[in-house]
Amino acid sequence: KVSLPARSLGPLRRLARWLVERHKGSAEALRDEDVATDRLREELLALNGVGPATADALLLFALRRPVYPVDRASYRILVRHDWLDPTATYDEARAVIERPAAGDPDVLARLSVWLERVGRDCCRAGVARCDRCPLQPFLPEGGPREPETF
């Protein structure tokens, strides 16, 4: 049994309706369709309640498209390691991660899960636990930078 907050139901209904009405009701069928990833992303973003990270997570994990869903943990890790300017846009952050993955959805999916764990266990909002982080050797000289916004 899955329990979701009431606020999640509207976007889920809109997403299900979109899948049924526009793409034969099946993620598998959609995976096989020759539809550009950018077009699918635009369609998802047009659904009320679906933001960039949710759209990209659906594209990556459900449809195996080579996009990276930038969450707060990924953003913090990128900024604290000085790999991303704290004022960067969502798409700029996404590009920093997608570029080295060379369009491989498997690499991007593994990276998403791994960075989420690093963010949860080490690179938390407010307090970074760098002493136990596998990315500690890659911190900039002087220690981690603090993200300003996200």
C-alpha atoms as a PDB file:
ATOM      1  CA  LYS A   1       0.000   0.000   0.000  1.00  0.00           C
ATOM      2  CA  VAL A   2       1.324   3.429  -0.968  1.00  0.00           C
ATOM      3  CA  SER A   3       0.384   6.500   1.013  1.00  0.00           C
ATOM      4  CA  LEU A   4       0.846   9.886  -0.624  1.00  0.00           C
ATOM      5  CA  PRO A   5       0.140  13.389   0.597  1.00  0.00           C
ATOM      6  CA  ALA A   6      -3.110  14.799  -0.802  1.00  0.00           C
ATOM      7  CA  ARG A   7      -1.201  17.542  -2.643  1.00  0.00           C
ATOM      8  CA  SER A   8       0.539  14.826  -4.729  1.00  0.00           C
ATOM      9  CA  LEU A   9      -2.692  13.409  -6.113  1.00  0.00           C
ATOM     10  CA  GLY A  10      -3.507  16.272  -8.499  1.00  0.00           C
ATOM     11  CA  PRO A  11      -0.159  16.166 -10.325  1.00  0.00           C
ATOM     12  CA  LEU A  12      -0.301  12.346 -10.411  1.00  0.00           C
ATOM     13  CA  ARG A  13      -3.769  12.443 -11.976  1.00  0.00           C
ATOM     14  CA  ARG A  14      -2.619  15.010 -14.542  1.00  0.00           C
ATOM     15  CA  LEU A  15       0.421  12.881 -15.314  1.00  0.00           C
ATOM     16  CA  ALA A  16      -1.698   9.747 -15.752  1.00  0.00           C
ATOM     17  CA  ARG A  17      -4.147  11.632 -17.983  1.00  0.00           C
ATOM     18  CA  TRP A  18      -1.230  12.965 -20.081  1.00  0.00           C
ATOM     19  CA  LEU A  19       0.176   9.462 -20.480  1.00  0.00           C
ATOM     20  CA  VAL A  20      -3.195   8.000 -21.514  1.00  0.00           C
ATOM     21  CA  GLU A  21      -4.330  10.835 -23.793  1.00  0.00           C
ATOM     22  CA  ARG A  22      -1.048  11.689 -25.483  1.00  0.00           C
ATOM     23  CA  HIS A  23       1.023   8.517 -25.403  1.00  0.00           C
ATOM     24  CA  LYS A  24      -1.153   5.376 -25.480  1.00  0.00           C
ATOM     25  CA  GLY A  25      -1.232   5.038 -21.683  1.00  0.00           C
ATOM     26  CA  SER A  26       2.002   3.142 -21.371  1.00  0.00           C
ATOM     27  CA  ALA A  27       5.476   4.239 -20.347  1.00  0.00           C
ATOM     28  CA  GLU A  28       6.785   1.235 -22.277  1.00  0.00           C
ATOM     29  CA  ALA A  29       5.037   2.373 -25.447  1.00  0.00           C
ATOM     30  CA  LEU A  30       6.305   5.904 -24.901  1.00  0.00           C
ATOM     31  CA  ARG A  31       9.826   4.572 -24.397  1.00  0.00           C
ATOM     32  CA  ASP A  32       9.578   3.009 -27.861  1.00  0.00           C
ATOM     33  CA  GLU A  33       8.099   6.105 -29.539  1.00  0.00           C
ATOM     34  CA  ASP A  34      10.386   8.339 -31.526  1.00  0.00           C
ATOM     35  CA  VAL A  35       9.583  11.495 -29.565  1.00  0.00           C
ATOM     36  CA  ALA A  36      12.331  14.002 -28.833  1.00  0.00           C
ATOM     37  CA  THR A  37      13.315  14.221 -25.182  1.00  0.00           C
ATOM     38  CA  ASP A  38      13.022  18.026 -25.264  1.00  0.00           C
ATOM     39  CA  ARG A  39       9.440  17.755 -26.503  1.00  0.00           C
ATOM     40  CA  LEU A  40       8.518  15.278 -23.767  1.00  0.00           C
ATOM     41  CA  ARG A  41      10.131  17.532 -21.175  1.00  0.00           C
ATOM     42  CA  GLU A  42       8.100  20.526 -22.433  1.00  0.00           C
ATOM     43  CA  GLU A  43       4.897  18.470 -22.263  1.00  0.00           C
ATOM     44  CA  LEU A  44       5.664  17.356 -18.709  1.00  0.00           C
ATOM     45  CA  LEU A  45       6.560  20.877 -17.584  1.00  0.00           C
ATOM     46  CA  ALA A  46       3.227  22.105 -18.977  1.00  0.00           C
ATOM     47  CA  LEU A  47       1.411  19.904 -16.441  1.00  0.00           C
ATOM     48  CA  ASN A  48       0.439  21.872 -13.348  1.00  0.00           C
ATOM     49  CA  GLY A  49       2.470  20.623 -10.380  1.00  0.00           C
ATOM     50  CA  VAL A  50       5.318  19.114 -12.403  1.00  0.00           C
ATOM     51  CA  GLY A  51       8.576  21.032 -12.075  1.00  0.00           C
ATOM     52  CA  PRO A  52      11.953  20.531 -13.760  1.00  0.00           C
ATOM     53  CA  ALA A  53      13.330  17.948 -11.298  1.00  0.00           C
ATOM     54  CA  THR A  54      10.130  15.865 -11.412  1.00  0.00           C
ATOM     55  CA  ALA A  55       9.976  16.021 -15.208  1.00  0.00           C
ATOM     56  CA  ASP A  56      13.616  14.997 -15.503  1.00  0.00           C
ATOM     57  CA  ALA A  57      13.223  12.186 -12.952  1.00  0.00           C
ATOM     58  CA  LEU A  58      10.313  10.784 -14.972  1.00  0.00           C
ATOM     59  CA  LEU A  59      12.292  11.099 -18.188  1.00  0.00           C
ATOM     60  CA  LEU A  60      15.324   9.351 -16.708  1.00  0.00           C
ATOM     61  CA  PHE A  61      13.826   6.634 -14.526  1.00  0.00           C
ATOM     62  CA  ALA A  62      10.555   5.835 -16.335  1.00  0.00           C
ATOM     63  CA  LEU A  63      11.529   6.562 -19.935  1.00  0.00           C
ATOM     64  CA  ARG A  64      15.308   5.989 -19.867  1.00  0.00           C
ATOM     65  CA  ARG A  65      16.078   9.367 -21.412  1.00  0.00           C
ATOM     66  CA  PRO A  66      19.571  10.835 -20.830  1.00  0.00           C
ATOM     67  CA  VAL A  67      18.651  13.725 -18.524  1.00  0.00           C
ATOM     68  CA  TYR A  68      19.664  14.374 -14.922  1.00  0.00           C
ATOM     69  CA  PRO A  69      17.088  15.430 -12.302  1.00  0.00           C
ATOM     70  CA  VAL A  70      18.929  18.054 -10.245  1.00  0.00           C
ATOM     71  CA  ASP A  71      17.691  17.870  -6.669  1.00  0.00           C
ATOM     72  CA  ARG A  72      18.804  19.912  -3.680  1.00  0.00           C
ATOM     73  CA  ALA A  73      21.447  17.354  -2.699  1.00  0.00           C
ATOM     74  CA  SER A  74      23.049  17.368  -6.158  1.00  0.00           C
ATOM     75  CA  TYR A  75      23.059  21.150  -6.197  1.00  0.00           C
ATOM     76  CA  ARG A  76      24.680  21.359  -2.736  1.00  0.00           C
ATOM     77  CA  ILE A  77      27.355  18.842  -3.710  1.00  0.00           C
ATOM     78  CA  LEU A  78      28.173  20.687  -6.938  1.00  0.00           C
ATOM     79  CA  VAL A  79      28.395  24.065  -5.206  1.00  0.00           C
ATOM     80  CA  ARG A  80      30.291  22.895  -2.136  1.00  0.00           C
ATOM     81  CA  HIS A  81      32.930  21.304  -4.374  1.00  0.00           C
ATOM     82  CA  ASP A  82      33.147  24.470  -6.479  1.00  0.00           C
ATOM     83  CA  TRP A  83      31.996  22.625  -9.589  1.00  0.00           C
ATOM     84  CA  LEU A  84      29.046  25.003  -9.986  1.00  0.00           C
ATOM     85  CA  ASP A  85      28.492  28.674  -9.279  1.00  0.00           C
ATOM     86  CA  PRO A  86      25.834  29.137  -6.571  1.00  0.00           C
ATOM     87  CA  THR A  87      23.872  31.443  -8.884  1.00  0.00           C
ATOM     88  CA  ALA A  88      23.685  28.860 -11.692  1.00  0.00           C
ATOM     89  CA  THR A  89      20.321  27.975 -13.184  1.00  0.00           C
ATOM     90  CA  TYR A  90      18.753  24.531 -13.013  1.00  0.00           C
ATOM     91  CA  ASP A  91      19.737  23.847 -16.632  1.00  0.00           C
ATOM     92  CA  GLU A  92      23.340  24.908 -15.993  1.00  0.00           C
ATOM     93  CA  ALA A  93      23.535  22.516 -13.046  1.00  0.00           C
ATOM     94  CA  ARG A  94      22.014  19.770 -15.167  1.00  0.00           C
ATOM     95  CA  ALA A  95      24.585  20.328 -17.913  1.00  0.00           C
ATOM     96  CA  VAL A  96      27.493  20.020 -15.459  1.00  0.00           C
ATOM     97  CA  ILE A  97      26.335  16.507 -14.563  1.00  0.00           C
ATOM     98  CA  GLU A  98      25.072  15.387 -17.975  1.00  0.00           C
ATOM     99  CA  ARG A  99      28.189  16.317 -19.948  1.00  0.00           C
ATOM    100  CA  PRO A 100      30.548  13.676 -18.505  1.00  0.00           C
ATOM    101  CA  ALA A 101      27.843  10.979 -18.666  1.00  0.00           C
ATOM    102  CA  ALA A 102      27.902  11.256 -22.475  1.00  0.00           C
ATOM    103  CA  GLY A 103      24.190  10.570 -22.892  1.00  0.00           C
ATOM    104  CA  ASP A 104      24.156   7.273 -20.993  1.00  0.00           C
ATOM    105  CA  PRO A 105      20.926   6.979 -18.964  1.00  0.00           C
ATOM    106  CA  ASP A 106      22.370   4.122 -16.878  1.00  0.00           C
ATOM    107  CA  VAL A 107      25.280   6.297 -15.753  1.00  0.00           C
ATOM    108  CA  LEU A 108      22.928   9.197 -15.000  1.00  0.00           C
ATOM    109  CA  ALA A 109      20.538   6.982 -13.009  1.00  0.00           C
ATOM    110  CA  ARG A 110      23.349   5.504 -10.914  1.00  0.00           C
ATOM    111  CA  LEU A 111      24.808   8.954 -10.381  1.00  0.00           C
ATOM    112  CA  SER A 112      21.425  10.312  -9.280  1.00  0.00           C
ATOM    113  CA  VAL A 113      20.974   7.573  -6.691  1.00  0.00           C
ATOM    114  CA  TRP A 114      24.571   7.866  -5.472  1.00  0.00           C
ATOM    115  CA  LEU A 115      24.522  11.657  -5.146  1.00  0.00           C
ATOM    116  CA  GLU A 116      21.191  11.459  -3.313  1.00  0.00           C
ATOM    117  CA  ARG A 117      22.838   9.120  -0.784  1.00  0.00           C
ATOM    118  CA  VAL A 118      25.904  11.337  -0.423  1.00  0.00           C
ATOM    119  CA  GLY A 119      23.598  14.300   0.078  1.00  0.00           C
ATOM    120  CA  ARG A 120      21.527  12.480   2.680  1.00  0.00           C
ATOM    121  CA  ASP A 121      24.474  11.015   4.585  1.00  0.00           C
ATOM    122  CA  CYS A 122      27.171  13.685   4.218  1.00  0.00           C
ATOM    123  CA  CYS A 123      26.259  16.850   2.368  1.00  0.00           C
ATOM    124  CA  ARG A 124      23.211  17.929   4.327  1.00  0.00           C
ATOM    125  CA  ALA A 125      21.649  21.351   4.250  1.00  0.00           C
ATOM    126  CA  GLY A 126      23.196  23.518   6.916  1.00  0.00           C
ATOM    127  CA  VAL A 127      25.803  21.039   8.128  1.00  0.00           C
ATOM    128  CA  ALA A 128      28.238  19.290   5.821  1.00  0.00           C
ATOM    129  CA  ARG A 129      29.781  16.100   7.197  1.00  0.00           C
ATOM    130  CA  CYS A 130      32.876  16.227   5.024  1.00  0.00           C
ATOM    131  CA  ASP A 131      34.898  13.928   7.287  1.00  0.00           C
ATOM    132  CA  ARG A 132      32.774  10.936   6.200  1.00  0.00           C
ATOM    133  CA  CYS A 133      32.158  11.952   2.576  1.00  0.00           C
ATOM    134  CA  PRO A 134      33.591   9.911  -0.326  1.00  0.00           C
ATOM    135  CA  LEU A 135      33.990  13.190  -2.236  1.00  0.00           C
ATOM    136  CA  GLN A 136      36.084  14.869   0.464  1.00  0.00           C
ATOM    137  CA  PRO A 137      39.335  14.581  -1.564  1.00  0.00           C
ATOM    138  CA  PHE A 138      37.716  16.740  -4.246  1.00  0.00           C
ATOM    139  CA  LEU A 139      36.817  19.679  -1.999  1.00  0.00           C
ATOM    140  CA  PRO A 140      38.355  23.016  -2.956  1.00  0.00           C
ATOM    141  CA  GLU A 141      41.299  24.320  -0.997  1.00  0.00           C
ATOM    142  CA  GLY A 142      39.971  25.924   2.172  1.00  0.00           C
ATOM    143  CA  GLY A 143      37.014  23.564   2.496  1.00  0.00           C
ATOM    144  CA  PRO A 144      33.508  23.458   1.089  1.00  0.00           C
ATOM    145  CA  ARG A 145      31.724  26.476  -0.333  1.00  0.00           C
ATOM    146  CA  GLU A 146      28.274  27.082   1.040  1.00  0.00           C
ATOM    147  CA  PRO A 147      25.327  27.158  -1.363  1.00  0.00           C
ATOM    148  CA  GLU A 148      23.506  30.476  -1.201  1.00  0.00           C
ATOM    149  CA  THR A 149      20.186  29.469  -2.687  1.00  0.00           C
ATOM    150  CA  PHE A 150      18.205  26.620  -4.217  1.00  0.00           C
END
